[in-house]
């Protein structure tokens, strides 16, 4: 395990520390945070709890939280679950793995090259997300529940309803995915009032 940890430390130092520092991120343990005019951002390395002497597995997590949303994350000691958008690297970057592994025979230079490219690409993606609408388009394009939640938070109720309809169409045979059930589950009070008014009409 000591050899795997050494490879992991080399990878973190080369692929994460320097590129993220240059991009304006501040490091704390395996968390890097940055604040722009629009968002709090987090890049986090999560080591698997099932690691062994033969394998070290880890994930690259991303958090985004609009500055004007309630309940901002604690940026001094951030946790991914505190962010509005909680993503894995492959949610933002297609054709990249969702998890990474180090073994004793892993050529670490190859993995460093791959991770350096991915980290820089993640920074480029984050730099392009300059509004909540762009966050939805880039991060939630395959996650209609999160897209609906975000549209509702910024007052775009019709767009939120459209995302809920995608879920209802996909899982229409399950009663918990009907539009009224989804509205209740997500506590979309404005849509509930609208739905109630339509029923009365």
C-alpha atoms as a PDB file:
ATOM      1  CA  UNK A   1       0.000   0.000   0.000  1.00  0.00           C
ATOM      2  CA  UNK A   2       2.909   2.329   0.678  1.00  0.00           C
ATOM      3  CA  UNK A   3       4.011   2.110  -2.953  1.00  0.00           C
ATOM      4  CA  UNK A   4       0.478   2.828  -4.169  1.00  0.00           C
ATOM      5  CA  UNK A   5       0.238   5.830  -1.851  1.00  0.00           C
ATOM      6  CA  UNK A   6       3.522   7.166  -3.202  1.00  0.00           C
ATOM      7  CA  UNK A   7       2.244   6.900  -6.759  1.00  0.00           C
ATOM      8  CA  UNK A   8      -0.993   8.584  -5.720  1.00  0.00           C
ATOM      9  CA  UNK A   9       0.881  11.447  -4.043  1.00  0.00           C
ATOM     10  CA  UNK A  10       3.036  11.935  -7.153  1.00  0.00           C
ATOM     11  CA  UNK A  11      -0.076  12.005  -9.301  1.00  0.00           C
ATOM     12  CA  UNK A  12      -1.857  14.544  -7.076  1.00  0.00           C
ATOM     13  CA  UNK A  13       1.168  16.826  -6.935  1.00  0.00           C
ATOM     14  CA  UNK A  14       1.732  16.799 -10.702  1.00  0.00           C
ATOM     15  CA  UNK A  15      -1.767  16.527 -12.173  1.00  0.00           C
ATOM     16  CA  UNK A  16      -3.779  18.569  -9.653  1.00  0.00           C
ATOM     17  CA  UNK A  17      -1.746  20.919  -7.474  1.00  0.00           C
ATOM     18  CA  UNK A  18       0.059  22.958 -10.114  1.00  0.00           C
ATOM     19  CA  UNK A  19      -2.692  23.191 -12.793  1.00  0.00           C
ATOM     20  CA  UNK A  20      -5.360  24.104 -10.248  1.00  0.00           C
ATOM     21  CA  UNK A  21      -3.180  26.666  -8.502  1.00  0.00           C
ATOM     22  CA  UNK A  22      -2.587  28.339 -11.855  1.00  0.00           C
ATOM     23  CA  UNK A  23      -6.372  28.395 -12.403  1.00  0.00           C
ATOM     24  CA  UNK A  24      -6.967  30.227  -9.117  1.00  0.00           C
ATOM     25  CA  UNK A  25      -7.988  27.304  -6.905  1.00  0.00           C
ATOM     26  CA  UNK A  26      -6.941  27.065  -3.266  1.00  0.00           C
ATOM     27  CA  UNK A  27      -5.939  23.685  -1.841  1.00  0.00           C
ATOM     28  CA  UNK A  28      -7.033  22.123   1.429  1.00  0.00           C
ATOM     29  CA  UNK A  29      -6.279  18.409   1.801  1.00  0.00           C
ATOM     30  CA  UNK A  30      -7.741  16.800  -1.353  1.00  0.00           C
ATOM     31  CA  UNK A  31     -10.098  19.727  -2.021  1.00  0.00           C
ATOM     32  CA  UNK A  32      -9.522  22.674  -4.331  1.00  0.00           C
ATOM     33  CA  UNK A  33     -11.921  25.622  -4.198  1.00  0.00           C
ATOM     34  CA  UNK A  34     -12.399  28.810  -6.166  1.00  0.00           C
ATOM     35  CA  UNK A  35     -14.859  31.678  -6.136  1.00  0.00           C
ATOM     36  CA  UNK A  36     -15.730  33.591  -9.290  1.00  0.00           C
ATOM     37  CA  UNK A  37     -18.355  36.282  -9.839  1.00  0.00           C
ATOM     38  CA  UNK A  38     -21.005  33.606 -10.410  1.00  0.00           C
ATOM     39  CA  UNK A  39     -20.064  30.417  -8.555  1.00  0.00           C
ATOM     40  CA  UNK A  40     -18.290  28.667  -5.755  1.00  0.00           C
ATOM     41  CA  UNK A  41     -16.394  25.789  -7.387  1.00  0.00           C
ATOM     42  CA  UNK A  42     -14.898  22.642  -5.917  1.00  0.00           C
ATOM     43  CA  UNK A  43     -12.693  19.917  -7.344  1.00  0.00           C
ATOM     44  CA  UNK A  44     -12.247  17.011  -4.968  1.00  0.00           C
ATOM     45  CA  UNK A  45     -10.430  13.679  -5.023  1.00  0.00           C
ATOM     46  CA  UNK A  46     -12.399  10.956  -3.278  1.00  0.00           C
ATOM     47  CA  UNK A  47     -10.476   7.808  -2.424  1.00  0.00           C
ATOM     48  CA  UNK A  48     -12.516   4.621  -2.407  1.00  0.00           C
ATOM     49  CA  UNK A  49     -13.208   3.087   0.983  1.00  0.00           C
ATOM     50  CA  UNK A  50     -12.526  -0.344  -0.537  1.00  0.00           C
ATOM     51  CA  UNK A  51      -8.881   0.257  -1.420  1.00  0.00           C
ATOM     52  CA  UNK A  52      -6.403  -2.525  -0.711  1.00  0.00           C
ATOM     53  CA  UNK A  53      -2.687  -3.345  -0.961  1.00  0.00           C
ATOM     54  CA  UNK A  54      -3.251  -4.342  -4.590  1.00  0.00           C
ATOM     55  CA  UNK A  55      -5.416  -1.455  -5.782  1.00  0.00           C
ATOM     56  CA  UNK A  56      -5.990   2.232  -5.052  1.00  0.00           C
ATOM     57  CA  UNK A  57      -9.195   3.530  -6.615  1.00  0.00           C
ATOM     58  CA  UNK A  58     -10.372   7.153  -6.624  1.00  0.00           C
ATOM     59  CA  UNK A  59     -12.890   9.523  -8.157  1.00  0.00           C
ATOM     60  CA  UNK A  60     -12.714  13.153  -9.222  1.00  0.00           C
ATOM     61  CA  UNK A  61     -15.736  15.073  -7.925  1.00  0.00           C
ATOM     62  CA  UNK A  62     -16.889  18.549  -8.932  1.00  0.00           C
ATOM     63  CA  UNK A  63     -19.138  20.892  -6.986  1.00  0.00           C
ATOM     64  CA  UNK A  64     -20.757  24.117  -8.222  1.00  0.00           C
ATOM     65  CA  UNK A  65     -22.917  26.507  -6.212  1.00  0.00           C
ATOM     66  CA  UNK A  66     -24.350  29.766  -7.579  1.00  0.00           C
ATOM     67  CA  UNK A  67     -23.367  32.688  -5.348  1.00  0.00           C
ATOM     68  CA  UNK A  68     -26.924  34.005  -5.179  1.00  0.00           C
ATOM     69  CA  UNK A  69     -28.408  30.671  -4.055  1.00  0.00           C
ATOM     70  CA  UNK A  70     -29.190  30.010  -0.407  1.00  0.00           C
ATOM     71  CA  UNK A  71     -27.133  27.751   1.890  1.00  0.00           C
ATOM     72  CA  UNK A  72     -23.662  28.386   0.450  1.00  0.00           C
ATOM     73  CA  UNK A  73     -21.026  25.729   1.138  1.00  0.00           C
ATOM     74  CA  UNK A  74     -18.385  26.133   3.804  1.00  0.00           C
ATOM     75  CA  UNK A  75     -15.489  27.060   1.545  1.00  0.00           C
ATOM     76  CA  UNK A  76     -12.925  26.746   4.360  1.00  0.00           C
ATOM     77  CA  UNK A  77     -13.737  23.080   4.841  1.00  0.00           C
ATOM     78  CA  UNK A  78     -15.893  22.157   1.853  1.00  0.00           C
ATOM     79  CA  UNK A  79     -17.936  18.997   1.457  1.00  0.00           C
ATOM     80  CA  UNK A  80     -19.217  17.972  -1.948  1.00  0.00           C
ATOM     81  CA  UNK A  81     -22.759  17.410  -0.670  1.00  0.00           C
ATOM     82  CA  UNK A  82     -22.998  21.108   0.320  1.00  0.00           C
ATOM     83  CA  UNK A  83     -22.871  22.234  -3.321  1.00  0.00           C
ATOM     84  CA  UNK A  84     -25.960  22.718  -5.480  1.00  0.00           C
ATOM     85  CA  UNK A  85     -24.451  20.736  -8.354  1.00  0.00           C
ATOM     86  CA  UNK A  86     -22.646  17.577  -7.279  1.00  0.00           C
ATOM     87  CA  UNK A  87     -20.924  15.907 -10.205  1.00  0.00           C
ATOM     88  CA  UNK A  88     -18.289  13.408 -11.220  1.00  0.00           C
ATOM     89  CA  UNK A  89     -15.690  14.362 -13.790  1.00  0.00           C
ATOM     90  CA  UNK A  90     -17.385  12.244 -16.458  1.00  0.00           C
ATOM     91  CA  UNK A  91     -20.617  14.253 -16.015  1.00  0.00           C
ATOM     92  CA  UNK A  92     -18.833  17.245 -17.536  1.00  0.00           C
ATOM     93  CA  UNK A  93     -16.355  15.477 -19.796  1.00  0.00           C
ATOM     94  CA  UNK A  94     -17.573  12.813 -22.182  1.00  0.00           C
ATOM     95  CA  UNK A  95     -15.314   9.863 -23.011  1.00  0.00           C
ATOM     96  CA  UNK A  96     -13.513  10.034 -19.678  1.00  0.00           C
ATOM     97  CA  UNK A  97     -13.618   7.335 -16.992  1.00  0.00           C
ATOM     98  CA  UNK A  98     -15.821   7.715 -13.949  1.00  0.00           C
ATOM     99  CA  UNK A  99     -13.133   6.207 -11.701  1.00  0.00           C
ATOM    100  CA  UNK A 100      -9.356   5.811 -11.767  1.00  0.00           C
ATOM    101  CA  UNK A 101      -7.184   2.986 -10.450  1.00  0.00           C
ATOM    102  CA  UNK A 102      -3.569   2.610  -9.443  1.00  0.00           C
ATOM    103  CA  UNK A 103      -1.960  -0.834  -9.215  1.00  0.00           C
ATOM    104  CA  UNK A 104       1.614  -1.811  -8.471  1.00  0.00           C
ATOM    105  CA  UNK A 105       2.307  -2.241 -12.180  1.00  0.00           C
ATOM    106  CA  UNK A 106       0.471   0.942 -13.250  1.00  0.00           C
ATOM    107  CA  UNK A 107       2.745   3.131 -15.397  1.00  0.00           C
ATOM    108  CA  UNK A 108       2.196   6.242 -13.311  1.00  0.00           C
ATOM    109  CA  UNK A 109       3.574   8.583 -15.970  1.00  0.00           C
ATOM    110  CA  UNK A 110       0.750   7.563 -18.319  1.00  0.00           C
ATOM    111  CA  UNK A 111      -1.881   8.139 -15.636  1.00  0.00           C
ATOM    112  CA  UNK A 112      -0.337  11.503 -14.752  1.00  0.00           C
ATOM    113  CA  UNK A 113      -0.577  12.539 -18.408  1.00  0.00           C
ATOM    114  CA  UNK A 114      -4.221  11.429 -18.567  1.00  0.00           C
ATOM    115  CA  UNK A 115      -5.219  13.139 -15.314  1.00  0.00           C
ATOM    116  CA  UNK A 116      -3.383  16.350 -16.170  1.00  0.00           C
ATOM    117  CA  UNK A 117      -5.357  16.551 -19.398  1.00  0.00           C
ATOM    118  CA  UNK A 118      -8.632  15.832 -17.566  1.00  0.00           C
ATOM    119  CA  UNK A 119      -7.987  18.413 -14.843  1.00  0.00           C
ATOM    120  CA  UNK A 120      -7.176  21.115 -17.378  1.00  0.00           C
ATOM    121  CA  UNK A 121     -10.268  20.177 -19.390  1.00  0.00           C
ATOM    122  CA  UNK A 122     -12.399  20.380 -16.238  1.00  0.00           C
ATOM    123  CA  UNK A 123     -11.070  23.867 -15.548  1.00  0.00           C
ATOM    124  CA  UNK A 124     -11.951  24.900 -19.101  1.00  0.00           C
ATOM    125  CA  UNK A 125     -15.489  23.565 -18.628  1.00  0.00           C
ATOM    126  CA  UNK A 126     -15.880  25.394 -15.321  1.00  0.00           C
ATOM    127  CA  UNK A 127     -14.581  28.600 -16.889  1.00  0.00           C
ATOM    128  CA  UNK A 128     -17.336  28.376 -19.509  1.00  0.00           C
ATOM    129  CA  UNK A 129     -20.141  27.947 -16.975  1.00  0.00           C
ATOM    130  CA  UNK A 130     -20.941  31.585 -16.264  1.00  0.00           C
ATOM    131  CA  UNK A 131     -24.663  31.365 -15.559  1.00  0.00           C
ATOM    132  CA  UNK A 132     -27.173  29.007 -13.998  1.00  0.00           C
ATOM    133  CA  UNK A 133     -28.623  28.312 -17.452  1.00  0.00           C
ATOM    134  CA  UNK A 134     -25.201  27.178 -18.682  1.00  0.00           C
ATOM    135  CA  UNK A 135     -24.833  25.043 -15.570  1.00  0.00           C
ATOM    136  CA  UNK A 136     -28.056  23.259 -16.499  1.00  0.00           C
ATOM    137  CA  UNK A 137     -27.011  22.802 -20.113  1.00  0.00           C
ATOM    138  CA  UNK A 138     -23.555  21.445 -19.354  1.00  0.00           C
ATOM    139  CA  UNK A 139     -23.972  19.598 -16.069  1.00  0.00           C
ATOM    140  CA  UNK A 140     -27.587  18.446 -16.071  1.00  0.00           C
ATOM    141  CA  UNK A 141     -28.183  17.546 -19.708  1.00  0.00           C
ATOM    142  CA  UNK A 142     -28.702  13.886 -18.699  1.00  0.00           C
ATOM    143  CA  UNK A 143     -30.185  14.657 -15.255  1.00  0.00           C
ATOM    144  CA  UNK A 144     -33.724  16.023 -15.656  1.00  0.00           C
ATOM    145  CA  UNK A 145     -34.463  15.902 -11.919  1.00  0.00           C
ATOM    146  CA  UNK A 146     -31.547  18.225 -11.159  1.00  0.00           C
ATOM    147  CA  UNK A 147     -32.393  20.383 -14.166  1.00  0.00           C
ATOM    148  CA  UNK A 148     -35.983  20.747 -12.957  1.00  0.00           C
ATOM    149  CA  UNK A 149     -34.838  21.588  -9.431  1.00  0.00           C
ATOM    150  CA  UNK A 150     -32.525  24.287 -10.774  1.00  0.00           C
ATOM    151  CA  UNK A 151     -35.009  25.800 -13.216  1.00  0.00           C
ATOM    152  CA  UNK A 152     -37.540  26.007 -10.379  1.00  0.00           C
ATOM    153  CA  UNK A 153     -34.978  27.716  -8.125  1.00  0.00           C
ATOM    154  CA  UNK A 154     -34.521  30.522 -10.661  1.00  0.00           C
ATOM    155  CA  UNK A 155     -38.244  30.907 -11.287  1.00  0.00           C
ATOM    156  CA  UNK A 156     -38.453  29.212 -14.693  1.00  0.00           C
ATOM    157  CA  UNK A 157     -41.458  27.071 -13.847  1.00  0.00           C
ATOM    158  CA  UNK A 158     -42.357  26.074 -17.405  1.00  0.00           C
ATOM    159  CA  UNK A 159     -38.844  24.806 -18.009  1.00  0.00           C
ATOM    160  CA  UNK A 160     -38.940  22.905 -14.713  1.00  0.00           C
ATOM    161  CA  UNK A 161     -42.230  21.305 -15.733  1.00  0.00           C
ATOM    162  CA  UNK A 162     -40.758  20.345 -19.096  1.00  0.00           C
ATOM    163  CA  UNK A 163     -37.930  18.484 -17.330  1.00  0.00           C
ATOM    164  CA  UNK A 164     -40.429  16.690 -15.091  1.00  0.00           C
ATOM    165  CA  UNK A 165     -42.336  15.661 -18.210  1.00  0.00           C
ATOM    166  CA  UNK A 166     -39.178  13.946 -19.500  1.00  0.00           C
ATOM    167  CA  UNK A 167     -39.116  11.828 -16.346  1.00  0.00           C
ATOM    168  CA  UNK A 168     -42.828  11.083 -16.578  1.00  0.00           C
ATOM    169  CA  UNK A 169     -42.436  10.016 -20.207  1.00  0.00           C
ATOM    170  CA  UNK A 170     -39.496   7.744 -19.390  1.00  0.00           C
ATOM    171  CA  UNK A 171     -40.965   6.149 -16.262  1.00  0.00           C
ATOM    172  CA  UNK A 172     -44.662   6.580 -16.989  1.00  0.00           C
ATOM    173  CA  UNK A 173     -45.568   3.118 -15.702  1.00  0.00           C
ATOM    174  CA  UNK A 174     -44.357   4.001 -12.178  1.00  0.00           C
ATOM    175  CA  UNK A 175     -46.782   6.039 -10.103  1.00  0.00           C
ATOM    176  CA  UNK A 176     -43.992   7.903  -8.268  1.00  0.00           C
ATOM    177  CA  UNK A 177     -42.982   9.437 -11.597  1.00  0.00           C
ATOM    178  CA  UNK A 178     -46.296  10.995 -12.516  1.00  0.00           C
ATOM    179  CA  UNK A 179     -46.210  14.783 -12.747  1.00  0.00           C
ATOM    180  CA  UNK A 180     -48.253  15.310  -9.535  1.00  0.00           C
ATOM    181  CA  UNK A 181     -46.063  12.837  -7.625  1.00  0.00           C
ATOM    182  CA  UNK A 182     -42.869  14.528  -8.829  1.00  0.00           C
ATOM    183  CA  UNK A 183     -44.195  17.966  -7.940  1.00  0.00           C
ATOM    184  CA  UNK A 184     -45.011  16.760  -4.443  1.00  0.00           C
ATOM    185  CA  UNK A 185     -41.684  14.961  -4.036  1.00  0.00           C
ATOM    186  CA  UNK A 186     -39.707  18.056  -4.988  1.00  0.00           C
ATOM    187  CA  UNK A 187     -41.963  20.446  -3.035  1.00  0.00           C
ATOM    188  CA  UNK A 188     -42.604  22.598  -6.089  1.00  0.00           C
ATOM    189  CA  UNK A 189     -45.361  24.632  -4.437  1.00  0.00           C
ATOM    190  CA  UNK A 190     -45.893  27.023  -7.333  1.00  0.00           C
ATOM    191  CA  UNK A 191     -46.401  24.131  -9.731  1.00  0.00           C
ATOM    192  CA  UNK A 192     -48.642  22.386  -7.223  1.00  0.00           C
ATOM    193  CA  UNK A 193     -50.829  25.490  -7.045  1.00  0.00           C
ATOM    194  CA  UNK A 194     -50.931  25.671 -10.836  1.00  0.00           C
ATOM    195  CA  UNK A 195     -51.786  21.976 -11.106  1.00  0.00           C
ATOM    196  CA  UNK A 196     -54.539  22.374  -8.504  1.00  0.00           C
ATOM    197  CA  UNK A 197     -55.976  25.366 -10.356  1.00  0.00           C
ATOM    198  CA  UNK A 198     -55.977  23.407 -13.637  1.00  0.00           C
ATOM    199  CA  UNK A 199     -57.761  20.490 -11.962  1.00  0.00           C
ATOM    200  CA  UNK A 200     -60.444  22.834 -10.644  1.00  0.00           C
ATOM    201  CA  UNK A 201     -60.852  24.382 -14.050  1.00  0.00           C
END
